[in-house]
Amino acid sequence: MTNKMGAKKLIRMDEERDLKAIGIIRERYGCESDSAAVRLALRVLAASPMLEIHQENAKGHER
């Protein structure tokens, strides 16, 4: 299902870490919604040089 903003996606998040990070992004950058904060973070990260980041469950992410 799509709307004016584009495709809807379900993203599973860690309540403690991910939602806390979204709250920080919303506060710092004035994002009006969680979705806006996630879009901002994705776009900033995509536009930045590649970083060496250790990602938990990088090979086979759990669902």
PDB file of N, CA and C in Angstrom:
ATOM      1  N   MET A   1       0.843  -1.173   0.000  1.00  0.00           N
ATOM      2  CA  MET A   1       0.000   0.000   0.000  1.00  0.00           C
ATOM      3  C   MET A   1       0.893   1.243   0.000  1.00  0.00           C
ATOM      4  N   THR A   2       0.554   2.207  -0.809  1.00  0.00           N
ATOM      5  CA  THR A   2       1.331   3.437  -0.859  1.00  0.00           C
ATOM      6  C   THR A   2       0.439   4.635  -0.578  1.00  0.00           C
ATOM      7  N   ASN A   3       1.059   5.728  -0.238  1.00  0.00           N
ATOM      8  CA  ASN A   3       0.344   6.990  -0.046  1.00  0.00           C
ATOM      9  C   ASN A   3       1.159   8.088  -0.719  1.00  0.00           C
ATOM     10  N   LYS A   4       0.858   9.334  -0.454  1.00  0.00           N
ATOM     11  CA  LYS A   4       1.564  10.445  -1.093  1.00  0.00           C
ATOM     12  C   LYS A   4       3.060  10.449  -0.768  1.00  0.00           C
ATOM     13  N   MET A   5       3.426   9.955   0.406  1.00  0.00           N
ATOM     14  CA  MET A   5       4.826   9.951   0.822  1.00  0.00           C
ATOM     15  C   MET A   5       5.612   8.805   0.192  1.00  0.00           C
ATOM     16  N   GLY A   6       4.965   7.756  -0.281  1.00  0.00           N
ATOM     17  CA  GLY A   6       5.679   6.621  -0.859  1.00  0.00           C
ATOM     18  C   GLY A   6       5.280   5.321  -0.201  1.00  0.00           C
ATOM     19  N   ALA A   7       6.132   4.322  -0.352  1.00  0.00           N
ATOM     20  CA  ALA A   7       5.837   2.986   0.137  1.00  0.00           C
ATOM     21  C   ALA A   7       5.887   2.929   1.661  1.00  0.00           C
ATOM     22  N   LYS A   8       4.973   2.155   2.225  1.00  0.00           N
ATOM     23  CA  LYS A   8       4.986   1.914   3.660  1.00  0.00           C
ATOM     24  C   LYS A   8       5.820   0.668   3.904  1.00  0.00           C
ATOM     25  N   LYS A   9       6.658   0.697   4.922  1.00  0.00           N
ATOM     26  CA  LYS A   9       7.522  -0.417   5.275  1.00  0.00           C
ATOM     27  C   LYS A   9       7.430  -0.678   6.766  1.00  0.00           C
ATOM     28  N   LEU A  10       7.554  -1.946   7.131  1.00  0.00           N
ATOM     29  CA  LEU A  10       7.599  -2.323   8.541  1.00  0.00           C
ATOM     30  C   LEU A  10       9.061  -2.505   8.910  1.00  0.00           C
ATOM     31  N   ILE A  11       9.496  -1.801   9.933  1.00  0.00           N
ATOM     32  CA  ILE A  11      10.871  -1.925  10.412  1.00  0.00           C
ATOM     33  C   ILE A  11      10.820  -2.309  11.883  1.00  0.00           C
ATOM     34  N   ARG A  12      11.443  -3.416  12.212  1.00  0.00           N
ATOM     35  CA  ARG A  12      11.508  -3.841  13.607  1.00  0.00           C
ATOM     36  C   ARG A  12      12.633  -3.067  14.286  1.00  0.00           C
ATOM     37  N   MET A  13      12.342  -2.538  15.457  1.00  0.00           N
ATOM     38  CA  MET A  13      13.323  -1.725  16.164  1.00  0.00           C
ATOM     39  C   MET A  13      13.500  -2.213  17.589  1.00  0.00           C
ATOM     40  N   ASP A  14      14.692  -1.989  18.085  1.00  0.00           N
ATOM     41  CA  ASP A  14      15.003  -2.269  19.477  1.00  0.00           C
ATOM     42  C   ASP A  14      14.419  -1.121  20.298  1.00  0.00           C
ATOM     43  N   GLU A  15      13.509  -1.439  21.179  1.00  0.00           N
ATOM     44  CA  GLU A  15      12.814  -0.407  21.965  1.00  0.00           C
ATOM     45  C   GLU A  15      13.795   0.530  22.661  1.00  0.00           C
ATOM     46  N   GLU A  16      14.807  -0.040  23.271  1.00  0.00           N
ATOM     47  CA  GLU A  16      15.703   0.773  24.086  1.00  0.00           C
ATOM     48  C   GLU A  16      16.664   1.609  23.241  1.00  0.00           C
ATOM     49  N   ARG A  17      17.371   0.991  22.328  1.00  0.00           N
ATOM     50  CA  ARG A  17      18.422   1.698  21.587  1.00  0.00           C
ATOM     51  C   ARG A  17      17.885   2.492  20.400  1.00  0.00           C
ATOM     52  N   ASP A  18      17.088   1.866  19.555  1.00  0.00           N
ATOM     53  CA  ASP A  18      16.639   2.524  18.330  1.00  0.00           C
ATOM     54  C   ASP A  18      15.651   3.649  18.604  1.00  0.00           C
ATOM     55  N   LEU A  19      14.685   3.398  19.453  1.00  0.00           N
ATOM     56  CA  LEU A  19      13.693   4.436  19.738  1.00  0.00           C
ATOM     57  C   LEU A  19      14.301   5.593  20.520  1.00  0.00           C
ATOM     58  N   LYS A  20      15.302   5.300  21.344  1.00  0.00           N
ATOM     59  CA  LYS A  20      16.016   6.373  22.041  1.00  0.00           C
ATOM     60  C   LYS A  20      16.767   7.231  21.015  1.00  0.00           C
ATOM     61  N   ALA A  21      17.418   6.591  20.051  1.00  0.00           N
ATOM     62  CA  ALA A  21      18.153   7.314  19.011  1.00  0.00           C
ATOM     63  C   ALA A  21      17.204   8.172  18.176  1.00  0.00           C
ATOM     64  N   ILE A  22      16.041   7.627  17.839  1.00  0.00           N
ATOM     65  CA  ILE A  22      15.058   8.399  17.074  1.00  0.00           C
ATOM     66  C   ILE A  22      14.615   9.623  17.865  1.00  0.00           C
ATOM     67  N   GLY A  23      14.407   9.458  19.152  1.00  0.00           N
ATOM     68  CA  GLY A  23      14.022  10.590  19.998  1.00  0.00           C
ATOM     69  C   GLY A  23      15.089  11.675  20.027  1.00  0.00           C
ATOM     70  N   ILE A  24      16.339  11.266  20.087  1.00  0.00           N
ATOM     71  CA  ILE A  24      17.442  12.230  20.077  1.00  0.00           C
ATOM     72  C   ILE A  24      17.474  12.978  18.750  1.00  0.00           C
ATOM     73  N   ILE A  25      17.328  12.257  17.644  1.00  0.00           N
ATOM     74  CA  ILE A  25      17.322  12.895  16.318  1.00  0.00           C
ATOM     75  C   ILE A  25      16.164  13.869  16.201  1.00  0.00           C
ATOM     76  N   ARG A  26      14.978  13.475  16.663  1.00  0.00           N
ATOM     77  CA  ARG A  26      13.808  14.367  16.601  1.00  0.00           C
ATOM     78  C   ARG A  26      14.070  15.654  17.366  1.00  0.00           C
ATOM     79  N   GLU A  27      14.636  15.522  18.554  1.00  0.00           N
ATOM     80  CA  GLU A  27      14.889  16.694  19.392  1.00  0.00           C
ATOM     81  C   GLU A  27      15.963  17.592  18.785  1.00  0.00           C
ATOM     82  N   ARG A  28      17.070  17.011  18.349  1.00  0.00           N
ATOM     83  CA  ARG A  28      18.187  17.802  17.821  1.00  0.00           C
ATOM     84  C   ARG A  28      17.861  18.509  16.518  1.00  0.00           C
ATOM     85  N   TYR A  29      17.126  17.816  15.640  1.00  0.00           N
ATOM     86  CA  TYR A  29      16.918  18.345  14.293  1.00  0.00           C
ATOM     87  C   TYR A  29      15.490  18.797  14.019  1.00  0.00           C
ATOM     88  N   GLY A  30      14.636  18.754  15.034  1.00  0.00           N
ATOM     89  CA  GLY A  30      13.282  19.262  14.892  1.00  0.00           C
ATOM     90  C   GLY A  30      12.385  18.440  13.993  1.00  0.00           C
ATOM     91  N   CYS A  31      12.641  17.138  13.903  1.00  0.00           N
ATOM     92  CA  CYS A  31      11.798  16.261  13.079  1.00  0.00           C
ATOM     93  C   CYS A  31      10.423  16.136  13.723  1.00  0.00           C
ATOM     94  N   GLU A  32       9.387  16.234  12.915  1.00  0.00           N
ATOM     95  CA  GLU A  32       8.023  16.220  13.438  1.00  0.00           C
ATOM     96  C   GLU A  32       7.495  14.822  13.736  1.00  0.00           C
ATOM     97  N   SER A  33       8.160  13.786  13.205  1.00  0.00           N
ATOM     98  CA  SER A  33       7.687  12.417  13.430  1.00  0.00           C
ATOM     99  C   SER A  33       8.874  11.464  13.493  1.00  0.00           C
ATOM    100  N   ASP A  34       8.613  10.252  13.992  1.00  0.00           N
ATOM    101  CA  ASP A  34       9.641   9.215  13.994  1.00  0.00           C
ATOM    102  C   ASP A  34      10.075   8.910  12.563  1.00  0.00           C
ATOM    103  N   SER A  35       9.115   8.854  11.648  1.00  0.00           N
ATOM    104  CA  SER A  35       9.430   8.562  10.248  1.00  0.00           C
ATOM    105  C   SER A  35      10.355   9.618   9.652  1.00  0.00           C
ATOM    106  N   ALA A  36      10.104  10.879   9.967  1.00  0.00           N
ATOM    107  CA  ALA A  36      10.958  11.954   9.468  1.00  0.00           C
ATOM    108  C   ALA A  36      12.371  11.816  10.026  1.00  0.00           C
ATOM    109  N   ALA A  37      12.491  11.432  11.276  1.00  0.00           N
ATOM    110  CA  ALA A  37      13.806  11.238  11.893  1.00  0.00           C
ATOM    111  C   ALA A  37      14.554  10.082  11.244  1.00  0.00           C
ATOM    112  N   VAL A  38      13.862   9.001  10.965  1.00  0.00           N
ATOM    113  CA  VAL A  38      14.491   7.850  10.307  1.00  0.00           C
ATOM    114  C   VAL A  38      14.931   8.230   8.894  1.00  0.00           C
ATOM    115  N   ARG A  39      14.070   8.933   8.152  1.00  0.00           N
ATOM    116  CA  ARG A  39      14.442   9.361   6.792  1.00  0.00           C
ATOM    117  C   ARG A  39      15.668  10.267   6.820  1.00  0.00           C
ATOM    118  N   LEU A  40      15.709  11.209   7.774  1.00  0.00           N
ATOM    119  CA  LEU A  40      16.855  12.095   7.895  1.00  0.00           C
ATOM    120  C   LEU A  40      18.126  11.291   8.167  1.00  0.00           C
ATOM    121  N   ALA A  41      18.061  10.377   9.116  1.00  0.00           N
ATOM    122  CA  ALA A  41      19.231   9.574   9.461  1.00  0.00           C
ATOM    123  C   ALA A  41      19.717   8.753   8.267  1.00  0.00           C
ATOM    124  N   LEU A  42      18.785   8.163   7.521  1.00  0.00           N
ATOM    125  CA  LEU A  42      19.154   7.374   6.342  1.00  0.00           C
ATOM    126  C   LEU A  42      19.838   8.246   5.295  1.00  0.00           C
ATOM    127  N   ARG A  43      19.281   9.400   5.041  1.00  0.00           N
ATOM    128  CA  ARG A  43      19.833  10.284   4.010  1.00  0.00           C
ATOM    129  C   ARG A  43      21.191  10.843   4.407  1.00  0.00           C
ATOM    130  N   VAL A  44      21.357  11.206   5.660  1.00  0.00           N
ATOM    131  CA  VAL A  44      22.641  11.727   6.120  1.00  0.00           C
ATOM    132  C   VAL A  44      23.702  10.632   6.049  1.00  0.00           C
ATOM    133  N   LEU A  45      23.365   9.438   6.500  1.00  0.00           N
ATOM    134  CA  LEU A  45      24.313   8.332   6.466  1.00  0.00           C
ATOM    135  C   LEU A  45      24.670   7.957   5.028  1.00  0.00           C
ATOM    136  N   ALA A  46      23.686   7.942   4.148  1.00  0.00           N
ATOM    137  CA  ALA A  46      23.930   7.605   2.744  1.00  0.00           C
ATOM    138  C   ALA A  46      24.815   8.645   2.060  1.00  0.00           C
ATOM    139  N   ALA A  47      24.726   9.896   2.467  1.00  0.00           N
ATOM    140  CA  ALA A  47      25.509  10.973   1.853  1.00  0.00           C
ATOM    141  C   ALA A  47      26.913  11.090   2.447  1.00  0.00           C
ATOM    142  N   SER A  48      27.163  10.396   3.548  1.00  0.00           N
ATOM    143  CA  SER A  48      28.450  10.487   4.237  1.00  0.00           C
ATOM    144  C   SER A  48      29.426   9.446   3.712  1.00  0.00           C
ATOM    145  N   PRO A  49      30.721   9.698   3.894  1.00  0.00           N
ATOM    146  CA  PRO A  49      31.708   8.680   3.538  1.00  0.00           C
ATOM    147  C   PRO A  49      31.455   7.415   4.359  1.00  0.00           C
ATOM    148  N   MET A  50      31.807   6.271   3.813  1.00  0.00           N
ATOM    149  CA  MET A  50      31.576   5.007   4.501  1.00  0.00           C
ATOM    150  C   MET A  50      32.355   4.960   5.809  1.00  0.00           C
ATOM    151  N   LEU A  51      31.689   4.535   6.873  1.00  0.00           N
ATOM    152  CA  LEU A  51      32.282   4.433   8.189  1.00  0.00           C
ATOM    153  C   LEU A  51      32.547   2.976   8.525  1.00  0.00           C
ATOM    154  N   GLU A  52      33.553   2.720   9.331  1.00  0.00           N
ATOM    155  CA  GLU A  52      33.823   1.368   9.837  1.00  0.00           C
ATOM    156  C   GLU A  52      32.941   1.174  11.069  1.00  0.00           C
ATOM    157  N   ILE A  53      31.852   0.449  10.910  1.00  0.00           N
ATOM    158  CA  ILE A  53      30.906   0.247  11.997  1.00  0.00           C
ATOM    159  C   ILE A  53      30.714  -1.239  12.224  1.00  0.00           C
ATOM    160  N   HIS A  54      30.827  -1.665  13.480  1.00  0.00           N
ATOM    161  CA  HIS A  54      30.536  -3.056  13.828  1.00  0.00           C
ATOM    162  C   HIS A  54      29.037  -3.181  14.041  1.00  0.00           C
ATOM    163  N   GLN A  55      28.387  -3.946  13.201  1.00  0.00           N
ATOM    164  CA  GLN A  55      26.927  -4.113  13.264  1.00  0.00           C
ATOM    165  C   GLN A  55      26.587  -5.450  13.904  1.00  0.00           C
ATOM    166  N   GLU A  56      25.786  -5.435  14.947  1.00  0.00           N
ATOM    167  CA  GLU A  56      25.332  -6.675  15.571  1.00  0.00           C
ATOM    168  C   GLU A  56      24.501  -7.459  14.582  1.00  0.00           C
ATOM    169  N   ASN A  57      24.641  -8.767  14.575  1.00  0.00           N
ATOM    170  CA  ASN A  57      23.890  -9.653  13.681  1.00  0.00           C
ATOM    171  C   ASN A  57      24.082  -9.291  12.211  1.00  0.00           C
ATOM    172  N   ALA A  58      25.275  -8.851  11.838  1.00  0.00           N
ATOM    173  CA  ALA A  58      25.501  -8.370  10.484  1.00  0.00           C
ATOM    174  C   ALA A  58      25.325  -9.458   9.423  1.00  0.00           C
ATOM    175  N   LYS A  59      25.762 -10.683   9.690  1.00  0.00           N
ATOM    176  CA  LYS A  59      25.693 -11.725   8.670  1.00  0.00           C
ATOM    177  C   LYS A  59      24.288 -12.279   8.509  1.00  0.00           C
ATOM    178  N   GLY A  60      23.614 -12.573   9.573  1.00  0.00           N
ATOM    179  CA  GLY A  60      22.264 -13.127   9.487  1.00  0.00           C
ATOM    180  C   GLY A  60      21.371 -12.466  10.499  1.00  0.00           C
ATOM    181  N   HIS A  61      20.751 -11.367  10.103  1.00  0.00           N
ATOM    182  CA  HIS A  61      19.937 -10.625  11.055  1.00  0.00           C
ATOM    183  C   HIS A  61      18.738 -11.453  11.493  1.00  0.00           C
ATOM    184  N   GLU A  62      18.408 -11.295  12.760  1.00  0.00           N
ATOM    185  CA  GLU A  62      17.280 -12.032  13.319  1.00  0.00           C
ATOM    186  C   GLU A  62      15.996 -11.290  13.082  1.00  0.00           C
ATOM    187  N   ARG A  63      14.920 -12.020  13.009  1.00  0.00           N
ATOM    188  CA  ARG A  63      13.607 -11.403  12.854  1.00  0.00           C
ATOM    189  C   ARG A  63      12.759 -11.701  14.030  1.00  0.00           C
TER     190      ARG A  63
END
